[in-house]
Amino acid sequence: MPHPAFDRSRLRIQPLANRRHDLDLSILLPLDAPPPSFDHPALATLGQRLVEARPRGAARILMMGAHVLRAGVARYLIDLMERGLVSHVAMNGAGPIHDWEFALVGASTESVARYIQSGEFGLWEETGRMNDTIRSGARAGMGLGEALGRAILDGPFPHKDISVLAAGARLGVPVTVHVGIGHDIIHEHPNCDGAALGEASYQDFLVFTQTVTKLEGGVMLNFGSAVMGPEVYLKALSMARNVAHQEGRVIKHFTTGVFDLIPIEGDTRRQAPKTDPQYYYRPWKTILVRTVADGGKSFYIQGDHRATVPALYGAALAVGG
């Protein structure tokens, strides 16, 4: 006999109008505003590498955690996509939720401390509709990111102009979503279809891996994703190199960059010893060391994403982006 499972039909789902939002569109930085003050010696190199990779058709990948969107830099991300400086965006499962809510109601983010006490956290009607879109997209063979992006682009979303997902659908730039079951609030909802969720996100993993096959001479940037980014990238790179090796090609001369909030002590291009807790910080050992050990270059930039994303944007434009 199967183990007892929670009955989702008993849940009370409320409209977003009943939620107190922590963020609204006022956090979005305009492209023409003076960017926050930030400088780092690696920015010029990374901007140059993005610009040089573009005419070669080499991959220009930007992976990110959801809090990058909460930093208000969506307009910069979209403009990088429009300029061809980013050819692929990869998000964790929470990223599309903020993107969807901002595009739909011009606000996002709830207080976990406030709503978890009453059992209301995450149970919002309009956000849960993402599940229906994901199910329909999976049936049509689409990845999770493309399904949501097309729904925003073609649907009644008043603020679709600041949606990274919609921009990907409009521009033909893959925006893939890499989920962990149970990680995101839409997984709480009665209409969440685990099979469709897995199918759509796995399709996105294969789309991402196809982009990684073009990473020779390209750039892979990871903004604020400590687990999803390095882990998905690692498996995709192994698959891409497996096929490249059979065909007599290499994928080893490329540039990686990690942008995050935490300080790293020591040489970021050498793996920390296992006795050091920093060894378990995956972006360091995976993105900055192991995957570029045979010919690539890597850089670590510490800073608030609200400052580092505009700074990278400015560096790329300064060299012809």
C-alpha atoms as a PDB file:
ATOM      1  CA  MET A   1       0.000   0.000   0.000  1.00  0.00           C
ATOM      2  CA  PRO A   2       1.323   3.518  -0.778  1.00  0.00           C
ATOM      3  CA  HIS A   3       2.129   5.856   2.075  1.00  0.00           C
ATOM      4  CA  PRO A   4      -0.519   8.455   2.983  1.00  0.00           C
ATOM      5  CA  ALA A   5      -0.220  11.690   0.980  1.00  0.00           C
ATOM      6  CA  PHE A   6      -1.387  15.202   1.722  1.00  0.00           C
ATOM      7  CA  ASP A   7      -4.794  16.110   0.277  1.00  0.00           C
ATOM      8  CA  ARG A   8      -4.240  19.357  -1.632  1.00  0.00           C
ATOM      9  CA  SER A   9      -7.979  19.834  -2.220  1.00  0.00           C
ATOM     10  CA  ARG A  10      -8.267  21.051   1.377  1.00  0.00           C
ATOM     11  CA  LEU A  11      -6.050  24.083   0.774  1.00  0.00           C
ATOM     12  CA  ARG A  12      -7.485  27.598   0.725  1.00  0.00           C
ATOM     13  CA  ILE A  13      -6.046  29.588  -2.194  1.00  0.00           C
ATOM     14  CA  GLN A  14      -6.309  33.394  -2.062  1.00  0.00           C
ATOM     15  CA  PRO A  15      -6.012  36.115  -4.714  1.00  0.00           C
ATOM     16  CA  LEU A  16      -2.805  38.124  -4.899  1.00  0.00           C
ATOM     17  CA  ALA A  17      -4.845  41.196  -3.998  1.00  0.00           C
ATOM     18  CA  ASN A  18      -4.949  39.854  -0.442  1.00  0.00           C
ATOM     19  CA  ARG A  19      -1.160  39.627  -0.180  1.00  0.00           C
ATOM     20  CA  ARG A  20       1.097  42.305   1.207  1.00  0.00           C
ATOM     21  CA  HIS A  21       3.937  42.576  -1.333  1.00  0.00           C
ATOM     22  CA  ASP A  22       7.475  43.397  -0.284  1.00  0.00           C
ATOM     23  CA  LEU A  23       8.593  44.664  -3.720  1.00  0.00           C
ATOM     24  CA  ASP A  24       7.021  46.619  -6.559  1.00  0.00           C
ATOM     25  CA  LEU A  25       8.170  48.087  -9.879  1.00  0.00           C
ATOM     26  CA  SER A  26       9.812  51.027  -8.128  1.00  0.00           C
ATOM     27  CA  ILE A  27      12.840  48.800  -7.465  1.00  0.00           C
ATOM     28  CA  LEU A  28      13.587  48.454 -11.196  1.00  0.00           C
ATOM     29  CA  LEU A  29      16.645  50.350 -12.301  1.00  0.00           C
ATOM     30  CA  PRO A  30      16.198  52.374 -15.523  1.00  0.00           C
ATOM     31  CA  LEU A  31      18.841  51.869 -18.192  1.00  0.00           C
ATOM     32  CA  ASP A  32      19.491  55.598 -18.511  1.00  0.00           C
ATOM     33  CA  ALA A  33      20.092  56.204 -14.810  1.00  0.00           C
ATOM     34  CA  PRO A  34      23.631  56.479 -13.430  1.00  0.00           C
ATOM     35  CA  PRO A  35      24.484  52.924 -12.355  1.00  0.00           C
ATOM     36  CA  PRO A  36      25.361  52.202  -8.728  1.00  0.00           C
ATOM     37  CA  SER A  37      29.025  52.779  -8.059  1.00  0.00           C
ATOM     38  CA  PHE A  38      30.959  49.542  -8.488  1.00  0.00           C
ATOM     39  CA  ASP A  39      34.281  48.584  -9.984  1.00  0.00           C
ATOM     40  CA  HIS A  40      36.332  45.431 -10.315  1.00  0.00           C
ATOM     41  CA  PRO A  41      39.403  44.739 -12.476  1.00  0.00           C
ATOM     42  CA  ALA A  42      37.778  41.664 -14.067  1.00  0.00           C
ATOM     43  CA  LEU A  43      34.779  43.551 -15.446  1.00  0.00           C
ATOM     44  CA  ALA A  44      36.600  44.910 -18.495  1.00  0.00           C
ATOM     45  CA  THR A  45      37.836  41.416 -19.403  1.00  0.00           C
ATOM     46  CA  LEU A  46      34.409  39.822 -19.018  1.00  0.00           C
ATOM     47  CA  GLY A  47      32.771  42.590 -21.046  1.00  0.00           C
ATOM     48  CA  GLN A  48      35.368  42.129 -23.779  1.00  0.00           C
ATOM     49  CA  ARG A  49      34.887  38.347 -23.823  1.00  0.00           C
ATOM     50  CA  LEU A  50      31.107  38.718 -24.219  1.00  0.00           C
ATOM     51  CA  VAL A  51      31.553  41.088 -27.144  1.00  0.00           C
ATOM     52  CA  GLU A  52      34.168  38.856 -28.808  1.00  0.00           C
ATOM     53  CA  ALA A  53      32.047  35.724 -28.419  1.00  0.00           C
ATOM     54  CA  ARG A  54      29.040  37.263 -30.164  1.00  0.00           C
ATOM     55  CA  PRO A  55      30.266  37.286 -33.808  1.00  0.00           C
ATOM     56  CA  ARG A  56      31.720  33.795 -33.372  1.00  0.00           C
ATOM     57  CA  GLY A  57      28.342  32.426 -32.339  1.00  0.00           C
ATOM     58  CA  ALA A  58      29.895  31.049 -29.160  1.00  0.00           C
ATOM     59  CA  ALA A  59      27.627  30.649 -26.148  1.00  0.00           C
ATOM     60  CA  ARG A  60      27.081  33.636 -23.874  1.00  0.00           C
ATOM     61  CA  ILE A  61      25.320  32.093 -20.885  1.00  0.00           C
ATOM     62  CA  LEU A  62      23.940  33.866 -17.829  1.00  0.00           C
ATOM     63  CA  MET A  63      22.744  31.649 -14.983  1.00  0.00           C
ATOM     64  CA  MET A  64      21.092  33.232 -11.975  1.00  0.00           C
ATOM     65  CA  GLY A  65      19.280  32.850  -8.709  1.00  0.00           C
ATOM     66  CA  ALA A  66      15.889  34.442  -8.190  1.00  0.00           C
ATOM     67  CA  HIS A  67      17.195  37.238  -5.986  1.00  0.00           C
ATOM     68  CA  VAL A  68      18.921  38.734  -9.036  1.00  0.00           C
ATOM     69  CA  LEU A  69      15.472  39.671 -10.336  1.00  0.00           C
ATOM     70  CA  ARG A  70      14.540  41.025  -6.920  1.00  0.00           C
ATOM     71  CA  ALA A  71      17.565  43.313  -7.211  1.00  0.00           C
ATOM     72  CA  GLY A  72      15.703  45.267  -9.902  1.00  0.00           C
ATOM     73  CA  VAL A  73      18.023  44.618 -12.851  1.00  0.00           C
ATOM     74  CA  ALA A  74      15.532  43.095 -15.311  1.00  0.00           C
ATOM     75  CA  ARG A  75      15.933  45.922 -17.824  1.00  0.00           C
ATOM     76  CA  TYR A  76      19.691  45.322 -17.961  1.00  0.00           C
ATOM     77  CA  LEU A  77      19.224  41.597 -18.492  1.00  0.00           C
ATOM     78  CA  ILE A  78      16.712  42.187 -21.282  1.00  0.00           C
ATOM     79  CA  ASP A  79      18.947  44.715 -23.021  1.00  0.00           C
ATOM     80  CA  LEU A  80      21.886  42.303 -22.865  1.00  0.00           C
ATOM     81  CA  MET A  81      19.657  39.748 -24.599  1.00  0.00           C
ATOM     82  CA  GLU A  82      18.505  42.273 -27.199  1.00  0.00           C
ATOM     83  CA  ARG A  83      22.117  43.206 -28.001  1.00  0.00           C
ATOM     84  CA  GLY A  84      23.089  39.559 -28.414  1.00  0.00           C
ATOM     85  CA  LEU A  85      25.541  39.759 -25.542  1.00  0.00           C
ATOM     86  CA  VAL A  86      23.604  37.049 -23.709  1.00  0.00           C
ATOM     87  CA  SER A  87      22.467  34.093 -25.809  1.00  0.00           C
ATOM     88  CA  HIS A  88      20.984  31.995 -23.003  1.00  0.00           C
ATOM     89  CA  VAL A  89      19.506  32.753 -19.571  1.00  0.00           C
ATOM     90  CA  ALA A  90      19.077  29.967 -17.014  1.00  0.00           C
ATOM     91  CA  MET A  91      17.031  30.424 -13.841  1.00  0.00           C
ATOM     92  CA  ASN A  92      16.163  28.389 -10.796  1.00  0.00           C
ATOM     93  CA  GLY A  93      12.497  27.624 -10.142  1.00  0.00           C
ATOM     94  CA  ALA A  94      11.830  30.751  -8.096  1.00  0.00           C
ATOM     95  CA  GLY A  95      13.009  33.149 -10.814  1.00  0.00           C
ATOM     96  CA  PRO A  96       9.975  32.694 -13.087  1.00  0.00           C
ATOM     97  CA  ILE A  97       7.647  33.253 -10.131  1.00  0.00           C
ATOM     98  CA  HIS A  98       8.989  36.750  -9.539  1.00  0.00           C
ATOM     99  CA  ASP A  99       9.081  37.409 -13.287  1.00  0.00           C
ATOM    100  CA  TRP A 100       5.435  36.268 -13.671  1.00  0.00           C
ATOM    101  CA  GLU A 101       4.169  38.287 -10.695  1.00  0.00           C
ATOM    102  CA  PHE A 102       6.005  41.465 -11.678  1.00  0.00           C
ATOM    103  CA  ALA A 103       4.641  41.190 -15.222  1.00  0.00           C
ATOM    104  CA  LEU A 104       1.101  40.470 -14.015  1.00  0.00           C
ATOM    105  CA  VAL A 105       0.540  42.724 -10.989  1.00  0.00           C
ATOM    106  CA  GLY A 106       3.647  44.915 -10.858  1.00  0.00           C
ATOM    107  CA  ALA A 107       4.689  43.477  -7.493  1.00  0.00           C
ATOM    108  CA  SER A 108       6.249  40.363  -6.014  1.00  0.00           C
ATOM    109  CA  THR A 109       7.764  38.803  -2.905  1.00  0.00           C
ATOM    110  CA  GLU A 110       5.980  38.035   0.347  1.00  0.00           C
ATOM    111  CA  SER A 111       7.190  37.933   3.918  1.00  0.00           C
ATOM    112  CA  VAL A 112       7.899  34.323   4.816  1.00  0.00           C
ATOM    113  CA  ALA A 113       7.899  35.246   8.499  1.00  0.00           C
ATOM    114  CA  ARG A 114       4.438  36.790   8.190  1.00  0.00           C
ATOM    115  CA  TYR A 115       2.646  34.224   6.034  1.00  0.00           C
ATOM    116  CA  ILE A 116       4.187  30.958   7.220  1.00  0.00           C
ATOM    117  CA  GLN A 117       2.612  31.466  10.659  1.00  0.00           C
ATOM    118  CA  SER A 118      -0.898  31.334   9.194  1.00  0.00           C
ATOM    119  CA  GLY A 119      -0.142  28.761   6.523  1.00  0.00           C
ATOM    120  CA  GLU A 120      -0.811  31.257   3.727  1.00  0.00           C
ATOM    121  CA  PHE A 121       2.720  31.400   2.345  1.00  0.00           C
ATOM    122  CA  GLY A 122       2.820  30.728  -1.389  1.00  0.00           C
ATOM    123  CA  LEU A 123      -0.866  29.920  -1.791  1.00  0.00           C
ATOM    124  CA  TRP A 124      -1.881  32.679  -4.193  1.00  0.00           C
ATOM    125  CA  GLU A 125      -4.313  32.103  -7.020  1.00  0.00           C
ATOM    126  CA  GLU A 126      -2.766  34.030  -9.900  1.00  0.00           C
ATOM    127  CA  THR A 127       0.711  32.654  -9.222  1.00  0.00           C
ATOM    128  CA  GLY A 128      -0.680  29.125  -9.164  1.00  0.00           C
ATOM    129  CA  ARG A 129      -1.938  29.571 -12.725  1.00  0.00           C
ATOM    130  CA  MET A 130       1.650  29.058 -13.800  1.00  0.00           C
ATOM    131  CA  ASN A 131       1.017  25.352 -13.261  1.00  0.00           C
ATOM    132  CA  ASP A 132      -1.671  25.296 -15.951  1.00  0.00           C
ATOM    133  CA  THR A 133       0.689  27.014 -18.386  1.00  0.00           C
ATOM    134  CA  ILE A 134       3.482  24.566 -17.589  1.00  0.00           C
ATOM    135  CA  ARG A 135       1.169  21.595 -18.147  1.00  0.00           C
ATOM    136  CA  SER A 136      -0.009  22.949 -21.511  1.00  0.00           C
ATOM    137  CA  GLY A 137       3.546  23.739 -22.540  1.00  0.00           C
ATOM    138  CA  ALA A 138       4.776  20.258 -21.639  1.00  0.00           C
ATOM    139  CA  ARG A 139       2.036  18.727 -23.772  1.00  0.00           C
ATOM    140  CA  ALA A 140       3.212  20.893 -26.666  1.00  0.00           C
ATOM    141  CA  GLY A 141       6.827  19.805 -26.188  1.00  0.00           C
ATOM    142  CA  MET A 142       8.003  23.148 -24.818  1.00  0.00           C
ATOM    143  CA  GLY A 143      10.402  23.710 -21.983  1.00  0.00           C
ATOM    144  CA  LEU A 144       9.199  25.361 -18.807  1.00  0.00           C
ATOM    145  CA  GLY A 145      10.781  28.730 -19.559  1.00  0.00           C
ATOM    146  CA  GLU A 146       9.450  28.928 -23.100  1.00  0.00           C
ATOM    147  CA  ALA A 147       5.921  27.980 -22.018  1.00  0.00           C
ATOM    148  CA  LEU A 148       5.794  30.698 -19.362  1.00  0.00           C
ATOM    149  CA  GLY A 149       7.521  33.256 -21.582  1.00  0.00           C
ATOM    150  CA  ARG A 150       5.045  32.796 -24.416  1.00  0.00           C
ATOM    151  CA  ALA A 151       2.113  32.993 -22.010  1.00  0.00           C
ATOM    152  CA  ILE A 152       3.368  36.317 -20.654  1.00  0.00           C
ATOM    153  CA  LEU A 153       4.229  37.679 -24.096  1.00  0.00           C
ATOM    154  CA  ASP A 154       0.853  36.787 -25.610  1.00  0.00           C
ATOM    155  CA  GLY A 155      -1.333  37.216 -22.547  1.00  0.00           C
ATOM    156  CA  PRO A 156      -2.916  40.044 -20.511  1.00  0.00           C
ATOM    157  CA  PHE A 157       0.194  40.966 -18.539  1.00  0.00           C
ATOM    158  CA  PRO A 158       0.325  44.773 -18.128  1.00  0.00           C
ATOM    159  CA  HIS A 159       4.065  44.848 -17.373  1.00  0.00           C
ATOM    160  CA  LYS A 160       5.337  42.266 -19.861  1.00  0.00           C
ATOM    161  CA  ASP A 161       7.993  44.733 -21.043  1.00  0.00           C
ATOM    162  CA  ILE A 162      10.053  44.006 -17.910  1.00  0.00           C
ATOM    163  CA  SER A 163       9.667  40.219 -18.132  1.00  0.00           C
ATOM    164  CA  VAL A 164      12.882  38.334 -18.891  1.00  0.00           C
ATOM    165  CA  LEU A 165      10.816  35.271 -19.813  1.00  0.00           C
ATOM    166  CA  ALA A 166       8.727  37.253 -22.303  1.00  0.00           C
ATOM    167  CA  ALA A 167      11.862  38.828 -23.758  1.00  0.00           C
ATOM    168  CA  GLY A 168      13.278  35.371 -24.381  1.00  0.00           C
ATOM    169  CA  ALA A 169      10.106  34.321 -26.220  1.00  0.00           C
ATOM    170  CA  ARG A 170      10.101  37.546 -28.232  1.00  0.00           C
ATOM    171  CA  LEU A 171      13.785  37.377 -29.181  1.00  0.00           C
ATOM    172  CA  GLY A 172      14.134  33.623 -29.637  1.00  0.00           C
ATOM    173  CA  VAL A 173      16.681  33.522 -26.804  1.00  0.00           C
ATOM    174  CA  PRO A 174      16.362  30.415 -24.625  1.00  0.00           C
ATOM    175  CA  VAL A 175      15.373  31.170 -21.034  1.00  0.00           C
ATOM    176  CA  THR A 176      15.468  27.844 -19.251  1.00  0.00           C
ATOM    177  CA  VAL A 177      14.182  26.961 -15.798  1.00  0.00           C
ATOM    178  CA  HIS A 178      15.797  24.283 -13.657  1.00  0.00           C
ATOM    179  CA  VAL A 179      13.585  23.221 -10.764  1.00  0.00           C
ATOM    180  CA  GLY A 180      13.790  21.002  -7.719  1.00  0.00           C
ATOM    181  CA  ILE A 181      10.463  19.425  -6.810  1.00  0.00           C
ATOM    182  CA  GLY A 182       9.112  21.023  -3.651  1.00  0.00           C
ATOM    183  CA  HIS A 183      11.431  24.032  -3.872  1.00  0.00           C
ATOM    184  CA  ASP A 184       8.911  26.590  -5.147  1.00  0.00           C
ATOM    185  CA  ILE A 185       5.555  27.947  -4.011  1.00  0.00           C
ATOM    186  CA  ILE A 186       3.664  26.804  -7.110  1.00  0.00           C
ATOM    187  CA  HIS A 187       4.422  23.215  -6.082  1.00  0.00           C
ATOM    188  CA  GLU A 188       2.065  23.703  -3.122  1.00  0.00           C
ATOM    189  CA  HIS A 189      -0.965  24.189  -5.355  1.00  0.00           C
ATOM    190  CA  PRO A 190      -3.622  21.566  -6.152  1.00  0.00           C
ATOM    191  CA  ASN A 191      -3.130  22.117  -9.898  1.00  0.00           C
ATOM    192  CA  CYS A 192       0.605  21.345  -9.821  1.00  0.00           C
ATOM    193  CA  ASP A 193       1.304  18.412 -12.128  1.00  0.00           C
ATOM    194  CA  GLY A 194       4.585  16.848 -11.040  1.00  0.00           C
ATOM    195  CA  ALA A 195       4.982  14.902 -14.271  1.00  0.00           C
ATOM    196  CA  ALA A 196       4.486  18.011 -16.425  1.00  0.00           C
ATOM    197  CA  LEU A 197       6.810  20.031 -14.182  1.00  0.00           C
ATOM    198  CA  GLY A 198       9.550  17.446 -14.506  1.00  0.00           C
ATOM    199  CA  GLU A 199       9.036  16.982 -18.226  1.00  0.00           C
ATOM    200  CA  ALA A 200       9.151  20.716 -18.974  1.00  0.00           C
ATOM    201  CA  SER A 201      12.175  21.375 -16.782  1.00  0.00           C
ATOM    202  CA  TYR A 202      14.031  18.366 -18.172  1.00  0.00           C
ATOM    203  CA  GLN A 203      13.384  19.687 -21.670  1.00  0.00           C
ATOM    204  CA  ASP A 204      14.968  22.933 -20.502  1.00  0.00           C
ATOM    205  CA  PHE A 205      17.977  21.002 -19.226  1.00  0.00           C
ATOM    206  CA  LEU A 206      18.456  19.507 -22.687  1.00  0.00           C
ATOM    207  CA  VAL A 207      18.054  22.951 -24.292  1.00  0.00           C
ATOM    208  CA  PHE A 208      20.658  24.302 -21.887  1.00  0.00           C
ATOM    209  CA  THR A 209      23.018  21.430 -22.672  1.00  0.00           C
ATOM    210  CA  GLN A 210      22.694  22.172 -26.375  1.00  0.00           C
ATOM    211  CA  THR A 211      23.796  25.741 -25.701  1.00  0.00           C
ATOM    212  CA  VAL A 212      26.781  24.443 -23.718  1.00  0.00           C
ATOM    213  CA  THR A 213      27.898  22.514 -26.824  1.00  0.00           C
ATOM    214  CA  LYS A 214      28.769  25.978 -28.221  1.00  0.00           C
ATOM    215  CA  LEU A 215      30.783  27.103 -25.178  1.00  0.00           C
ATOM    216  CA  GLU A 216      34.212  26.801 -26.867  1.00  0.00           C
ATOM    217  CA  GLY A 217      35.388  30.426 -27.135  1.00  0.00           C
ATOM    218  CA  GLY A 218      32.351  31.560 -25.166  1.00  0.00           C
ATOM    219  CA  VAL A 219      31.410  32.838 -21.729  1.00  0.00           C
ATOM    220  CA  MET A 220      29.481  31.295 -18.820  1.00  0.00           C
ATOM    221  CA  LEU A 221      28.421  33.625 -16.014  1.00  0.00           C
ATOM    222  CA  ASN A 222      26.742  32.602 -12.777  1.00  0.00           C
ATOM    223  CA  PHE A 223      24.966  35.265 -10.733  1.00  0.00           C
ATOM    224  CA  GLY A 224      23.993  34.294  -7.221  1.00  0.00           C
ATOM    225  CA  SER A 225      23.181  30.615  -7.683  1.00  0.00           C
ATOM    226  CA  ALA A 226      25.057  28.482  -5.178  1.00  0.00           C
ATOM    227  CA  VAL A 227      23.551  25.100  -6.139  1.00  0.00           C
ATOM    228  CA  MET A 228      21.408  25.130  -9.295  1.00  0.00           C
ATOM    229  CA  GLY A 229      23.893  27.033 -11.459  1.00  0.00           C
ATOM    230  CA  PRO A 230      27.048  25.013 -10.812  1.00  0.00           C
ATOM    231  CA  GLU A 231      25.267  21.663 -10.679  1.00  0.00           C
ATOM    232  CA  VAL A 232      23.257  22.040 -13.900  1.00  0.00           C
ATOM    233  CA  TYR A 233      26.254  23.519 -15.720  1.00  0.00           C
ATOM    234  CA  LEU A 234      28.536  20.682 -14.559  1.00  0.00           C
ATOM    235  CA  LYS A 235      26.295  17.906 -15.913  1.00  0.00           C
ATOM    236  CA  ALA A 236      25.582  19.769 -19.145  1.00  0.00           C
ATOM    237  CA  LEU A 237      29.287  20.358 -19.759  1.00  0.00           C
ATOM    238  CA  SER A 238      30.077  16.680 -19.229  1.00  0.00           C
ATOM    239  CA  MET A 239      27.428  15.686 -21.782  1.00  0.00           C
ATOM    240  CA  ALA A 240      28.623  18.304 -24.281  1.00  0.00           C
ATOM    241  CA  ARG A 241      32.259  17.282 -23.896  1.00  0.00           C
ATOM    242  CA  ASN A 242      31.352  13.600 -24.270  1.00  0.00           C
ATOM    243  CA  VAL A 243      29.973  14.210 -27.753  1.00  0.00           C
ATOM    244  CA  ALA A 244      32.663  16.739 -28.675  1.00  0.00           C
ATOM    245  CA  HIS A 245      35.364  14.213 -27.764  1.00  0.00           C
ATOM    246  CA  GLN A 246      33.789  11.627 -30.067  1.00  0.00           C
ATOM    247  CA  GLU A 247      33.821  14.190 -32.891  1.00  0.00           C
ATOM    248  CA  GLY A 248      37.409  15.292 -32.349  1.00  0.00           C
ATOM    249  CA  ARG A 249      36.439  18.693 -30.928  1.00  0.00           C
ATOM    250  CA  VAL A 250      37.248  20.373 -27.615  1.00  0.00           C
ATOM    251  CA  ILE A 251      35.270  22.570 -25.253  1.00  0.00           C
ATOM    252  CA  LYS A 252      37.929  23.986 -22.981  1.00  0.00           C
ATOM    253  CA  HIS A 253      38.907  27.475 -24.129  1.00  0.00           C
ATOM    254  CA  PHE A 254      36.200  29.611 -22.548  1.00  0.00           C
ATOM    255  CA  THR A 255      35.668  32.114 -19.748  1.00  0.00           C
ATOM    256  CA  THR A 256      33.635  31.729 -16.596  1.00  0.00           C
ATOM    257  CA  GLY A 257      32.601  34.295 -14.037  1.00  0.00           C
ATOM    258  CA  VAL A 258      30.900  33.981 -10.667  1.00  0.00           C
ATOM    259  CA  PHE A 259      29.126  37.022  -9.265  1.00  0.00           C
ATOM    260  CA  ASP A 260      27.984  36.592  -5.682  1.00  0.00           C
ATOM    261  CA  LEU A 261      27.601  38.273  -2.318  1.00  0.00           C
ATOM    262  CA  ILE A 262      29.961  36.232  -0.177  1.00  0.00           C
ATOM    263  CA  PRO A 263      33.671  36.955   0.273  1.00  0.00           C
ATOM    264  CA  ILE A 264      36.116  34.266  -0.824  1.00  0.00           C
ATOM    265  CA  GLU A 265      39.474  34.025   0.868  1.00  0.00           C
ATOM    266  CA  GLY A 266      42.430  32.791  -1.114  1.00  0.00           C
ATOM    267  CA  ASP A 267      43.162  32.144  -4.777  1.00  0.00           C
ATOM    268  CA  THR A 268      39.801  31.591  -6.481  1.00  0.00           C
ATOM    269  CA  ARG A 269      41.488  29.663  -9.302  1.00  0.00           C
ATOM    270  CA  ARG A 270      42.703  26.980  -6.923  1.00  0.00           C
ATOM    271  CA  GLN A 271      40.351  24.640  -5.104  1.00  0.00           C
ATOM    272  CA  ALA A 272      40.097  25.085  -1.350  1.00  0.00           C
ATOM    273  CA  PRO A 273      41.200  22.071   0.720  1.00  0.00           C
ATOM    274  CA  LYS A 274      38.513  19.734   2.020  1.00  0.00           C
ATOM    275  CA  THR A 275      39.347  20.856   5.551  1.00  0.00           C
ATOM    276  CA  ASP A 276      38.158  24.360   4.625  1.00  0.00           C
ATOM    277  CA  PRO A 277      34.350  24.894   4.700  1.00  0.00           C
ATOM    278  CA  GLN A 278      34.737  26.992   1.542  1.00  0.00           C
ATOM    279  CA  TYR A 279      35.466  23.725  -0.316  1.00  0.00           C
ATOM    280  CA  TYR A 280      31.731  23.043  -0.285  1.00  0.00           C
ATOM    281  CA  TYR A 281      30.833  26.304  -2.009  1.00  0.00           C
ATOM    282  CA  ARG A 282      30.021  24.816  -5.412  1.00  0.00           C
ATOM    283  CA  PRO A 283      30.477  27.903  -7.607  1.00  0.00           C
ATOM    284  CA  TRP A 284      34.117  28.086  -6.531  1.00  0.00           C
ATOM    285  CA  LYS A 285      35.239  24.506  -7.074  1.00  0.00           C
ATOM    286  CA  THR A 286      32.979  23.801 -10.065  1.00  0.00           C
ATOM    287  CA  ILE A 287      32.831  27.029 -12.071  1.00  0.00           C
ATOM    288  CA  LEU A 288      36.061  28.757 -11.075  1.00  0.00           C
ATOM    289  CA  VAL A 289      38.390  25.741 -10.881  1.00  0.00           C
ATOM    290  CA  ARG A 290      37.462  22.278 -12.119  1.00  0.00           C
ATOM    291  CA  THR A 291      35.699  23.015 -15.403  1.00  0.00           C
ATOM    292  CA  VAL A 292      38.297  25.522 -16.635  1.00  0.00           C
ATOM    293  CA  ALA A 293      41.378  23.611 -15.477  1.00  0.00           C
ATOM    294  CA  ASP A 294      42.421  22.576 -18.975  1.00  0.00           C
ATOM    295  CA  GLY A 295      42.453  25.874 -20.839  1.00  0.00           C
ATOM    296  CA  GLY A 296      39.787  28.247 -19.553  1.00  0.00           C
ATOM    297  CA  LYS A 297      39.865  31.419 -17.475  1.00  0.00           C
ATOM    298  CA  SER A 298      37.745  32.260 -14.452  1.00  0.00           C
ATOM    299  CA  PHE A 299      36.942  35.312 -12.372  1.00  0.00           C
ATOM    300  CA  TYR A 300      35.138  35.937  -9.092  1.00  0.00           C
ATOM    301  CA  ILE A 301      33.384  39.234  -8.466  1.00  0.00           C
ATOM    302  CA  GLN A 302      31.877  39.932  -5.065  1.00  0.00           C
ATOM    303  CA  GLY A 303      29.124  42.503  -4.835  1.00  0.00           C
ATOM    304  CA  ASP A 304      25.431  43.306  -4.727  1.00  0.00           C
ATOM    305  CA  HIS A 305      23.695  42.237  -7.948  1.00  0.00           C
ATOM    306  CA  ARG A 306      22.017  45.644  -8.111  1.00  0.00           C
ATOM    307  CA  ALA A 307      25.516  47.018  -8.702  1.00  0.00           C
ATOM    308  CA  THR A 308      27.344  44.185 -10.482  1.00  0.00           C
ATOM    309  CA  VAL A 309      24.807  43.563 -13.270  1.00  0.00           C
ATOM    310  CA  PRO A 310      24.826  47.233 -14.398  1.00  0.00           C
ATOM    311  CA  ALA A 311      28.598  47.279 -14.034  1.00  0.00           C
ATOM    312  CA  LEU A 312      29.019  44.283 -16.338  1.00  0.00           C
ATOM    313  CA  TYR A 313      26.528  45.845 -18.768  1.00  0.00           C
ATOM    314  CA  GLY A 314      28.533  49.062 -18.809  1.00  0.00           C
ATOM    315  CA  ALA A 315      31.802  47.203 -19.308  1.00  0.00           C
ATOM    316  CA  ALA A 316      30.407  45.337 -22.322  1.00  0.00           C
ATOM    317  CA  LEU A 317      29.015  48.496 -23.910  1.00  0.00           C
ATOM    318  CA  ALA A 318      32.316  50.297 -23.361  1.00  0.00           C
ATOM    319  CA  VAL A 319      34.062  47.858 -25.740  1.00  0.00           C
ATOM    320  CA  GLY A 320      31.453  47.892 -28.459  1.00  0.00           C
ATOM    321  CA  GLY A 321      28.555  45.952 -27.005  1.00  0.00           C
END
